[in-house]
Protein backbone atom coordinates (compact mmCIF):
# COMPACT_ATOMS: atom_id res chain seq x y z
CA MET A 1 -14.07 0.64 8.86
CA GLN A 2 -13.07 -0.28 5.30
CA ILE A 3 -10.86 2.30 3.58
CA ALA A 4 -9.88 2.29 -0.10
CA CYS A 5 -6.25 2.90 -1.03
CA SER A 6 -4.92 3.87 -4.42
CA ILE A 7 -2.19 1.54 -5.61
CA LEU A 8 0.68 2.85 -7.73
CA PHE A 9 3.40 0.73 -9.33
CA THR A 10 6.63 2.70 -9.30
CA GLU A 11 10.40 2.52 -8.84
CA LEU A 12 11.89 2.68 -5.36
CA GLU A 13 15.46 3.19 -4.24
CA ASN A 14 16.85 0.17 -2.38
CA GLU A 15 19.49 0.13 0.38
CA GLU A 16 22.34 0.15 -2.16
CA GLY A 17 20.94 3.17 -4.00
CA TYR A 18 19.63 1.24 -7.03
CA LEU A 19 16.16 1.73 -8.45
CA VAL A 20 13.97 -1.38 -8.24
CA GLU A 21 10.34 -2.05 -9.10
CA GLY A 22 7.97 -1.43 -6.24
CA VAL A 23 4.47 -0.50 -5.21
CA SER A 24 2.98 2.22 -3.03
CA ALA A 25 -0.43 2.59 -1.42
CA CYS A 26 -2.08 5.90 -0.53
CA CYS A 27 -4.94 6.14 1.98
CA SER A 28 -8.02 7.83 0.54
CA ARG A 29 -8.89 9.31 3.95
CA CYS A 30 -5.68 10.90 5.18
CA GLY A 31 -3.17 10.56 2.34
CA HIS A 32 -0.69 8.45 4.33
CA GLU A 33 1.56 6.39 2.01
CA THR A 34 3.35 3.07 2.39
CA GLU A 35 5.84 1.38 0.03
CA SER A 36 7.07 -2.15 -0.66
CA TYR A 37 9.63 -3.63 -3.02
CA GLY A 38 8.26 -5.85 -5.79
CA THR A 39 5.07 -5.67 -7.79
CA SER A 40 3.34 -8.93 -6.87
CA ASP A 41 0.05 -9.29 -5.03
CA ARG A 42 2.09 -10.04 -1.94
CA SER A 43 3.81 -6.62 -2.18
CA VAL A 44 0.44 -4.89 -2.48
CA ARG A 45 -0.88 -6.78 0.55
CA ARG A 46 2.23 -5.79 2.50
CA CYS A 47 1.54 -2.11 1.73
CA LEU A 48 -2.02 -2.50 3.01
CA VAL A 49 -0.85 -4.26 6.18
CA LEU A 50 1.69 -1.50 6.78
CA MET A 51 -1.08 1.06 6.28
CA ARG A 52 -2.97 -0.49 9.19
CA GLU A 53 0.13 -0.68 11.39
CA GLU A 54 1.31 2.87 10.61
CA CYS A 55 -2.04 4.70 10.62
CA PRO A 56 -1.19 8.26 11.73
CA GLU A 57 -4.68 8.55 13.26
CA GLY A 58 -4.16 5.42 15.40
CA GLU A 59 -7.18 3.71 13.83
CA ASN A 60 -7.55 -0.03 13.11
CA ASN A 61 -9.13 0.11 9.66
CA PHE A 62 -9.29 -2.52 6.92
CA TYR A 63 -7.58 -1.30 3.77
CA THR A 64 -8.47 -2.40 0.24
CA SER A 65 -7.22 -1.44 -3.20
CA ASP A 66 -9.43 0.89 -5.22
CA ASP A 67 -8.06 -0.19 -8.61
CA GLY A 68 -11.38 -1.62 -9.74
CA ASP A 69 -9.80 -5.02 -10.26
CA ASP A 70 -11.63 -8.17 -9.18
CA MET A 71 -8.97 -8.67 -6.53
CA ASN A 72 -9.53 -6.86 -3.25
CA TYR A 73 -6.77 -6.91 -0.69
CA GLU A 74 -8.19 -6.76 2.81
CA TYR A 75 -5.80 -6.42 5.73
């Protein structure tokens, strides 16, 4: 099943306690969230891959961004 995730660019705290740019994804079905450092396409894709790996429902869905951009991230 294909599930849309909202993508939010934010600041995350790293291991040393500093704030760094990051991205988070939120599942539109269950609200589960994942985070990655950086704001590149690669960071967004990592969030979507983590969403699949960490699904609290144990499902194997395909996650895409719902930002309306031409770029869909499917993982």
